[in-house]
Amino acid sequence: MDDTSVNFIELVALSRITADSTAERFGSLINSSFFDASNILATLKQKGLVDFVTAFPTQSTLKVTDGGNELLAQARKKSTEPLDALDMAIMMQLSVGRRSLVDLNGSVNVTQKDLALHLFKLEAQQQVSFELANANMNIYLTEKGFLAVRTSGQPMPQAPTFAAQEQTKPVPEATGAPGGPAPGAPAYDTQPKPGDEMKVIEELIRKNKARRKRRLVMMVLLAVILVAFVVVLHIKGVI
């Protein structure tokens, strides 16, 4: 069994398995598609935490292994312990907007399993909540967790600012190559900005509506001219 790299999504998925859970219907238990749920189950099996009992033609029953039950017991035992320094560090990072497991793991710099166990504990004690959908997870402070952070007396971490991000963004060097910026010229970001594609689509829709309006006006004018021509011919006795 290798559970040292178990993350919080996998721990939550493991905790949702019951005696009548099947691989085919597991996605509904973790709000994920069949494909995403299958990937999570495959990872849990690879780590020796679950197993499949297949009896053709019925569905594949899921079974938590001894290793999986040991991990769940460890997580449930920790969830009864009082908050510690790592719990507070995790909640402080959440308080400045870090919501994904990747962001949290990079901020507190602990193993995925340790982070998973502490998040399991914080969720059990209603300090945090999470949204899980299609193998993606966002984690949030609850009101209880927010108050715990504010009354802890520890200095709050600074959220990354836009200015700081701009200072750390690498600026491409001017090469003076044909079609590129001249040496010493300021470098500009030529990548499309968010919303540019929508503006282009809206402009195309507007132009298409204008063309259809002009076409309709022309058809109406032609119809009026044709009716007038027929009326004139009728008056003259031609028709």
C-alpha atoms as a PDB file:
ATOM      1  CA  MET A   1       0.000   0.000   0.000  1.00  0.00           C
ATOM      2  CA  ASP A   2       1.230   3.508  -0.870  1.00  0.00           C
ATOM      3  CA  ASP A   3      -0.973   6.168   0.718  1.00  0.00           C
ATOM      4  CA  THR A   4       1.750   8.783   1.251  1.00  0.00           C
ATOM      5  CA  SER A   5       0.606  10.764  -1.805  1.00  0.00           C
ATOM      6  CA  VAL A   6      -3.136  10.585  -1.132  1.00  0.00           C
ATOM      7  CA  ASN A   7      -4.737  13.984  -1.642  1.00  0.00           C
ATOM      8  CA  PHE A   8      -7.901  15.386  -0.121  1.00  0.00           C
ATOM      9  CA  ILE A   9     -10.080  14.589  -3.158  1.00  0.00           C
ATOM     10  CA  GLU A  10      -9.046  10.940  -2.964  1.00  0.00           C
ATOM     11  CA  LEU A  11      -9.606  10.848   0.804  1.00  0.00           C
ATOM     12  CA  VAL A  12     -13.100  12.304   0.387  1.00  0.00           C
ATOM     13  CA  ALA A  13     -13.848   9.802  -2.385  1.00  0.00           C
ATOM     14  CA  LEU A  14     -12.635   6.950  -0.191  1.00  0.00           C
ATOM     15  CA  SER A  15     -14.873   8.096   2.665  1.00  0.00           C
ATOM     16  CA  ARG A  16     -17.950   8.044   0.366  1.00  0.00           C
ATOM     17  CA  ILE A  17     -17.659   4.326  -0.400  1.00  0.00           C
ATOM     18  CA  THR A  18     -20.313   2.213   1.313  1.00  0.00           C
ATOM     19  CA  ALA A  19     -21.133  -1.495   1.315  1.00  0.00           C
ATOM     20  CA  ASP A  20     -23.434  -1.151  -1.700  1.00  0.00           C
ATOM     21  CA  SER A  21     -21.287   1.256  -3.759  1.00  0.00           C
ATOM     22  CA  THR A  22     -20.515   0.209  -7.319  1.00  0.00           C
ATOM     23  CA  ALA A  23     -17.896   1.471  -9.737  1.00  0.00           C
ATOM     24  CA  GLU A  24     -20.523   2.265 -12.377  1.00  0.00           C
ATOM     25  CA  ARG A  25     -22.509   4.561 -10.068  1.00  0.00           C
ATOM     26  CA  PHE A  26     -19.705   5.997  -7.988  1.00  0.00           C
ATOM     27  CA  GLY A  27     -19.637   9.281  -9.925  1.00  0.00           C
ATOM     28  CA  SER A  28     -22.941  10.368  -8.381  1.00  0.00           C
ATOM     29  CA  LEU A  29     -21.423  10.051  -4.884  1.00  0.00           C
ATOM     30  CA  ILE A  30     -18.665  12.536  -5.650  1.00  0.00           C
ATOM     31  CA  ASN A  31     -20.550  14.767  -8.096  1.00  0.00           C
ATOM     32  CA  SER A  32     -18.331  13.743 -10.991  1.00  0.00           C
ATOM     33  CA  SER A  33     -18.675  12.216 -14.420  1.00  0.00           C
ATOM     34  CA  PHE A  34     -18.181   8.493 -14.932  1.00  0.00           C
ATOM     35  CA  PHE A  35     -14.806   9.181 -16.570  1.00  0.00           C
ATOM     36  CA  ASP A  36     -13.496  11.376 -13.701  1.00  0.00           C
ATOM     37  CA  ALA A  37     -14.823   8.989 -11.053  1.00  0.00           C
ATOM     38  CA  SER A  38     -13.158   6.067 -12.823  1.00  0.00           C
ATOM     39  CA  ASN A  39      -9.819   7.893 -12.800  1.00  0.00           C
ATOM     40  CA  ILE A  40     -10.100   8.515  -9.057  1.00  0.00           C
ATOM     41  CA  LEU A  41     -11.027   4.888  -8.392  1.00  0.00           C
ATOM     42  CA  ALA A  42      -8.128   3.687 -10.531  1.00  0.00           C
ATOM     43  CA  THR A  43      -5.743   5.856  -8.495  1.00  0.00           C
ATOM     44  CA  LEU A  44      -7.168   4.561  -5.210  1.00  0.00           C
ATOM     45  CA  LYS A  45      -6.783   0.990  -6.417  1.00  0.00           C
ATOM     46  CA  GLN A  46      -3.212   1.650  -7.528  1.00  0.00           C
ATOM     47  CA  LYS A  47      -2.449   2.941  -4.036  1.00  0.00           C
ATOM     48  CA  GLY A  48      -3.986  -0.179  -2.509  1.00  0.00           C
ATOM     49  CA  LEU A  49      -6.900   1.609  -0.847  1.00  0.00           C
ATOM     50  CA  VAL A  50      -9.828   0.050  -2.745  1.00  0.00           C
ATOM     51  CA  ASP A  51     -10.558  -3.118  -4.656  1.00  0.00           C
ATOM     52  CA  PHE A  52     -13.235  -4.227  -7.126  1.00  0.00           C
ATOM     53  CA  VAL A  53     -15.448  -7.303  -6.852  1.00  0.00           C
ATOM     54  CA  THR A  54     -16.739  -8.095 -10.333  1.00  0.00           C
ATOM     55  CA  ALA A  55     -19.525 -10.596 -10.901  1.00  0.00           C
ATOM     56  CA  PHE A  56     -20.558 -10.575 -14.578  1.00  0.00           C
ATOM     57  CA  PRO A  57     -23.079  -9.423 -15.712  1.00  0.00           C
ATOM     58  CA  THR A  58     -23.828  -7.407 -12.557  1.00  0.00           C
ATOM     59  CA  GLN A  59     -22.054  -4.176 -11.624  1.00  0.00           C
ATOM     60  CA  SER A  60     -18.631  -4.042  -9.986  1.00  0.00           C
ATOM     61  CA  THR A  61     -18.890  -3.703  -6.226  1.00  0.00           C
ATOM     62  CA  LEU A  62     -16.360  -1.460  -4.493  1.00  0.00           C
ATOM     63  CA  LYS A  63     -14.526  -2.657  -1.408  1.00  0.00           C
ATOM     64  CA  VAL A  64     -12.300  -0.588   0.858  1.00  0.00           C
ATOM     65  CA  THR A  65      -9.121  -2.538   1.615  1.00  0.00           C
ATOM     66  CA  ASP A  66      -7.493  -2.899   5.020  1.00  0.00           C
ATOM     67  CA  GLY A  67      -5.106  -0.124   4.040  1.00  0.00           C
ATOM     68  CA  GLY A  68      -8.016   2.121   3.072  1.00  0.00           C
ATOM     69  CA  ASN A  69      -9.817   1.443   6.349  1.00  0.00           C
ATOM     70  CA  GLU A  70      -6.605   2.178   8.240  1.00  0.00           C
ATOM     71  CA  LEU A  71      -6.291   5.530   6.477  1.00  0.00           C
ATOM     72  CA  LEU A  72      -9.935   6.402   7.184  1.00  0.00           C
ATOM     73  CA  ALA A  73      -9.499   5.475  10.840  1.00  0.00           C
ATOM     74  CA  GLN A  74      -6.445   7.731  11.018  1.00  0.00           C
ATOM     75  CA  ALA A  75      -8.378  10.612   9.415  1.00  0.00           C
ATOM     76  CA  ARG A  76     -11.376  10.185  11.737  1.00  0.00           C
ATOM     77  CA  LYS A  77      -9.160  10.009  14.812  1.00  0.00           C
ATOM     78  CA  LYS A  78      -7.366  13.224  13.818  1.00  0.00           C
ATOM     79  CA  SER A  79     -10.699  14.953  13.202  1.00  0.00           C
ATOM     80  CA  THR A  80     -11.429  14.748  16.954  1.00  0.00           C
ATOM     81  CA  GLU A  81      -8.201  16.512  17.938  1.00  0.00           C
ATOM     82  CA  PRO A  82      -8.055  20.239  18.765  1.00  0.00           C
ATOM     83  CA  LEU A  83      -6.808  22.716  16.180  1.00  0.00           C
ATOM     84  CA  ASP A  84      -3.037  22.947  15.873  1.00  0.00           C
ATOM     85  CA  ALA A  85      -0.539  25.259  14.168  1.00  0.00           C
ATOM     86  CA  LEU A  86      -0.870  23.539  10.766  1.00  0.00           C
ATOM     87  CA  ASP A  87      -4.653  23.812  10.893  1.00  0.00           C
ATOM     88  CA  MET A  88      -4.365  27.550  11.536  1.00  0.00           C
ATOM     89  CA  ALA A  89      -1.789  27.958   8.757  1.00  0.00           C
ATOM     90  CA  ILE A  90      -4.141  26.244   6.287  1.00  0.00           C
ATOM     91  CA  MET A  91      -7.083  28.430   7.317  1.00  0.00           C
ATOM     92  CA  MET A  92      -4.975  31.577   7.061  1.00  0.00           C
ATOM     93  CA  GLN A  93      -4.044  30.680   3.501  1.00  0.00           C
ATOM     94  CA  LEU A  94      -7.726  30.120   2.747  1.00  0.00           C
ATOM     95  CA  SER A  95      -8.542  33.523   4.233  1.00  0.00           C
ATOM     96  CA  VAL A  96      -6.452  35.290   1.568  1.00  0.00           C
ATOM     97  CA  GLY A  97      -8.108  33.498  -1.325  1.00  0.00           C
ATOM     98  CA  ARG A  98      -6.124  30.314  -1.869  1.00  0.00           C
ATOM     99  CA  ARG A  99      -8.818  27.730  -2.581  1.00  0.00           C
ATOM    100  CA  SER A 100      -7.298  24.907  -4.637  1.00  0.00           C
ATOM    101  CA  LEU A 101      -5.290  21.980  -3.291  1.00  0.00           C
ATOM    102  CA  VAL A 102      -2.326  22.984  -5.453  1.00  0.00           C
ATOM    103  CA  ASP A 103      -2.291  26.517  -4.008  1.00  0.00           C
ATOM    104  CA  LEU A 104      -2.666  25.287  -0.451  1.00  0.00           C
ATOM    105  CA  ASN A 105      -0.002  22.605  -0.840  1.00  0.00           C
ATOM    106  CA  GLY A 106       2.459  25.119  -2.229  1.00  0.00           C
ATOM    107  CA  SER A 107       1.681  27.644   0.505  1.00  0.00           C
ATOM    108  CA  VAL A 108       1.981  25.428   3.580  1.00  0.00           C
ATOM    109  CA  ASN A 109       4.566  23.079   2.001  1.00  0.00           C
ATOM    110  CA  VAL A 110       3.502  19.762   3.533  1.00  0.00           C
ATOM    111  CA  THR A 111       2.849  16.371   1.975  1.00  0.00           C
ATOM    112  CA  GLN A 112      -0.432  15.787   0.192  1.00  0.00           C
ATOM    113  CA  LYS A 113      -1.446  13.216   2.797  1.00  0.00           C
ATOM    114  CA  ASP A 114      -0.791  15.581   5.734  1.00  0.00           C
ATOM    115  CA  LEU A 115      -2.770  18.319   3.998  1.00  0.00           C
ATOM    116  CA  ALA A 116      -5.580  15.844   3.279  1.00  0.00           C
ATOM    117  CA  LEU A 117      -5.778  14.691   6.898  1.00  0.00           C
ATOM    118  CA  HIS A 118      -5.891  18.248   8.225  1.00  0.00           C
ATOM    119  CA  LEU A 119      -8.501  19.346   5.680  1.00  0.00           C
ATOM    120  CA  PHE A 120     -10.580  16.285   6.597  1.00  0.00           C
ATOM    121  CA  LYS A 121     -10.293  17.377  10.240  1.00  0.00           C
ATOM    122  CA  LEU A 122     -11.198  21.010   9.471  1.00  0.00           C
ATOM    123  CA  GLU A 123     -14.221  19.958   7.423  1.00  0.00           C
ATOM    124  CA  ALA A 124     -15.381  17.561  10.167  1.00  0.00           C
ATOM    125  CA  GLN A 125     -15.134  20.406  12.717  1.00  0.00           C
ATOM    126  CA  GLN A 126     -17.019  22.755  10.344  1.00  0.00           C
ATOM    127  CA  GLN A 127     -14.082  25.136  10.015  1.00  0.00           C
ATOM    128  CA  VAL A 128     -14.012  24.746   6.223  1.00  0.00           C
ATOM    129  CA  SER A 129     -16.340  23.544   3.489  1.00  0.00           C
ATOM    130  CA  PHE A 130     -15.625  22.381  -0.028  1.00  0.00           C
ATOM    131  CA  GLU A 131     -17.186  22.048  -3.471  1.00  0.00           C
ATOM    132  CA  LEU A 132     -16.314  18.907  -5.424  1.00  0.00           C
ATOM    133  CA  ALA A 133     -17.339  18.576  -9.073  1.00  0.00           C
ATOM    134  CA  ASN A 134     -15.769  16.518 -11.860  1.00  0.00           C
ATOM    135  CA  ALA A 135     -12.603  15.789  -9.868  1.00  0.00           C
ATOM    136  CA  ASN A 136     -12.045  19.507  -9.178  1.00  0.00           C
ATOM    137  CA  MET A 137     -12.271  20.985  -5.706  1.00  0.00           C
ATOM    138  CA  ASN A 138     -12.509  24.444  -4.191  1.00  0.00           C
ATOM    139  CA  ILE A 139     -12.179  24.886  -0.432  1.00  0.00           C
ATOM    140  CA  TYR A 140     -13.613  27.761   1.604  1.00  0.00           C
ATOM    141  CA  LEU A 141     -13.614  28.995   5.178  1.00  0.00           C
ATOM    142  CA  THR A 142     -16.895  28.756   7.020  1.00  0.00           C
ATOM    143  CA  GLU A 143     -17.987  31.565   9.325  1.00  0.00           C
ATOM    144  CA  LYS A 144     -16.656  29.510  12.232  1.00  0.00           C
ATOM    145  CA  GLY A 145     -13.300  29.128  10.508  1.00  0.00           C
ATOM    146  CA  PHE A 146     -13.153  32.810   9.607  1.00  0.00           C
ATOM    147  CA  LEU A 147     -13.749  33.828  13.223  1.00  0.00           C
ATOM    148  CA  ALA A 148     -11.097  31.357  14.382  1.00  0.00           C
ATOM    149  CA  VAL A 149      -8.551  32.976  12.066  1.00  0.00           C
ATOM    150  CA  ARG A 150      -9.480  36.516  13.108  1.00  0.00           C
ATOM    151  CA  THR A 151      -9.239  35.750  16.825  1.00  0.00           C
ATOM    152  CA  SER A 152      -6.028  33.695  16.609  1.00  0.00           C
ATOM    153  CA  GLY A 153      -3.758  36.700  17.102  1.00  0.00           C
ATOM    154  CA  GLN A 154      -1.341  35.445  14.442  1.00  0.00           C
ATOM    155  CA  PRO A 155      -0.194  37.782  11.642  1.00  0.00           C
ATOM    156  CA  MET A 156      -2.191  37.396   8.459  1.00  0.00           C
ATOM    157  CA  PRO A 157      -0.360  36.373   5.274  1.00  0.00           C
ATOM    158  CA  GLN A 158      -0.449  38.872   2.447  1.00  0.00           C
ATOM    159  CA  ALA A 159      -2.491  37.987  -0.605  1.00  0.00           C
ATOM    160  CA  PRO A 160      -0.597  38.304  -3.903  1.00  0.00           C
ATOM    161  CA  THR A 161      -1.314  41.677  -5.514  1.00  0.00           C
ATOM    162  CA  PHE A 162      -1.622  42.577  -9.165  1.00  0.00           C
ATOM    163  CA  ALA A 163       1.427  44.820  -8.963  1.00  0.00           C
ATOM    164  CA  ALA A 164       3.535  42.018  -7.511  1.00  0.00           C
ATOM    165  CA  GLN A 165       2.414  39.657 -10.261  1.00  0.00           C
ATOM    166  CA  GLU A 166       3.323  42.230 -12.923  1.00  0.00           C
ATOM    167  CA  GLN A 167       6.796  42.705 -11.418  1.00  0.00           C
ATOM    168  CA  THR A 168       7.508  38.983 -11.507  1.00  0.00           C
ATOM    169  CA  LYS A 169       6.168  38.482 -15.048  1.00  0.00           C
ATOM    170  CA  PRO A 170       9.086  37.800 -17.435  1.00  0.00           C
ATOM    171  CA  VAL A 171       9.463  40.405 -20.166  1.00  0.00           C
ATOM    172  CA  PRO A 172      10.654  39.055 -23.541  1.00  0.00           C
ATOM    173  CA  GLU A 173      13.830  40.615 -24.854  1.00  0.00           C
ATOM    174  CA  ALA A 174      13.667  42.761 -27.980  1.00  0.00           C
ATOM    175  CA  THR A 175      15.498  41.031 -30.785  1.00  0.00           C
ATOM    176  CA  GLY A 176      15.179  43.537 -33.585  1.00  0.00           C
ATOM    177  CA  ALA A 177      14.153  40.710 -35.949  1.00  0.00           C
ATOM    178  CA  PRO A 178      11.927  41.599 -38.920  1.00  0.00           C
ATOM    179  CA  GLY A 179       8.392  42.016 -37.725  1.00  0.00           C
ATOM    180  CA  GLY A 180       9.520  42.199 -34.081  1.00  0.00           C
ATOM    181  CA  PRO A 181      10.261  45.114 -31.759  1.00  0.00           C
ATOM    182  CA  ALA A 182      13.395  47.111 -32.324  1.00  0.00           C
ATOM    183  CA  PRO A 183      16.207  46.941 -29.750  1.00  0.00           C
ATOM    184  CA  GLY A 184      15.343  49.083 -26.754  1.00  0.00           C
ATOM    185  CA  ALA A 185      11.680  49.302 -27.709  1.00  0.00           C
ATOM    186  CA  PRO A 186       9.106  48.446 -25.013  1.00  0.00           C
ATOM    187  CA  ALA A 187       7.721  44.920 -25.190  1.00  0.00           C
ATOM    188  CA  TYR A 188       3.973  44.578 -25.477  1.00  0.00           C
ATOM    189  CA  ASP A 189       1.772  41.647 -24.679  1.00  0.00           C
ATOM    190  CA  THR A 190       0.362  40.479 -27.992  1.00  0.00           C
ATOM    191  CA  GLN A 191      -1.725  37.713 -26.477  1.00  0.00           C
ATOM    192  CA  PRO A 192      -5.492  38.194 -26.738  1.00  0.00           C
ATOM    193  CA  LYS A 193      -6.949  39.594 -23.566  1.00  0.00           C
ATOM    194  CA  PRO A 194      -9.895  37.984 -21.746  1.00  0.00           C
ATOM    195  CA  GLY A 195     -13.102  39.076 -23.410  1.00  0.00           C
ATOM    196  CA  ASP A 196     -11.543  39.850 -26.814  1.00  0.00           C
ATOM    197  CA  GLU A 197     -13.086  36.742 -28.349  1.00  0.00           C
ATOM    198  CA  MET A 198     -16.522  37.726 -27.015  1.00  0.00           C
ATOM    199  CA  LYS A 199     -16.178  41.232 -28.458  1.00  0.00           C
ATOM    200  CA  VAL A 200     -15.333  39.771 -31.855  1.00  0.00           C
ATOM    201  CA  ILE A 201     -18.340  37.435 -31.690  1.00  0.00           C
ATOM    202  CA  GLU A 202     -20.640  40.314 -30.660  1.00  0.00           C
ATOM    203  CA  GLU A 203     -19.329  42.454 -33.545  1.00  0.00           C
ATOM    204  CA  LEU A 204     -19.963  39.632 -36.029  1.00  0.00           C
ATOM    205  CA  ILE A 205     -23.498  39.199 -34.687  1.00  0.00           C
ATOM    206  CA  ARG A 206     -24.122  42.946 -34.978  1.00  0.00           C
ATOM    207  CA  LYS A 207     -22.874  43.049 -38.570  1.00  0.00           C
ATOM    208  CA  ASN A 208     -24.930  39.983 -39.471  1.00  0.00           C
ATOM    209  CA  LYS A 209     -28.067  41.616 -38.054  1.00  0.00           C
ATOM    210  CA  ALA A 210     -27.339  44.794 -39.995  1.00  0.00           C
ATOM    211  CA  ARG A 211     -26.948  42.815 -43.247  1.00  0.00           C
ATOM    212  CA  ARG A 212     -30.203  40.959 -42.648  1.00  0.00           C
ATOM    213  CA  LYS A 213     -31.988  44.260 -41.920  1.00  0.00           C
ATOM    214  CA  ARG A 214     -30.707  45.819 -45.150  1.00  0.00           C
ATOM    215  CA  ARG A 215     -31.732  42.702 -47.084  1.00  0.00           C
ATOM    216  CA  LEU A 216     -35.230  42.867 -45.582  1.00  0.00           C
ATOM    217  CA  VAL A 217     -35.584  46.567 -46.466  1.00  0.00           C
ATOM    218  CA  MET A 218     -34.529  45.830 -50.053  1.00  0.00           C
ATOM    219  CA  MET A 219     -37.073  43.035 -50.322  1.00  0.00           C
ATOM    220  CA  VAL A 220     -39.826  45.299 -48.986  1.00  0.00           C
ATOM    221  CA  LEU A 221     -38.882  48.047 -51.455  1.00  0.00           C
ATOM    222  CA  LEU A 222     -38.892  45.581 -54.343  1.00  0.00           C
ATOM    223  CA  ALA A 223     -42.296  44.287 -53.251  1.00  0.00           C
ATOM    224  CA  VAL A 224     -43.681  47.849 -53.091  1.00  0.00           C
ATOM    225  CA  ILE A 225     -42.285  48.660 -56.538  1.00  0.00           C
ATOM    226  CA  LEU A 226     -43.746  45.454 -57.962  1.00  0.00           C
ATOM    227  CA  VAL A 227     -47.168  46.166 -56.461  1.00  0.00           C
ATOM    228  CA  ALA A 228     -47.071  49.740 -57.766  1.00  0.00           C
ATOM    229  CA  PHE A 229     -46.112  48.490 -61.230  1.00  0.00           C
ATOM    230  CA  VAL A 230     -49.000  46.007 -61.237  1.00  0.00           C
ATOM    231  CA  VAL A 231     -51.430  48.732 -60.115  1.00  0.00           C
ATOM    232  CA  VAL A 232     -50.278  51.049 -62.910  1.00  0.00           C
ATOM    233  CA  LEU A 233     -50.686  48.331 -65.511  1.00  0.00           C
ATOM    234  CA  HIS A 234     -54.139  47.539 -64.163  1.00  0.00           C
ATOM    235  CA  ILE A 235     -55.182  51.203 -64.359  1.00  0.00           C
ATOM    236  CA  LYS A 236     -53.985  51.427 -67.960  1.00  0.00           C
ATOM    237  CA  GLY A 237     -55.978  48.334 -68.775  1.00  0.00           C
ATOM    238  CA  VAL A 238     -52.985  46.308 -69.699  1.00  0.00           C
ATOM    239  CA  ILE A 239     -53.979  43.619 -67.202  1.00  0.00           C
END
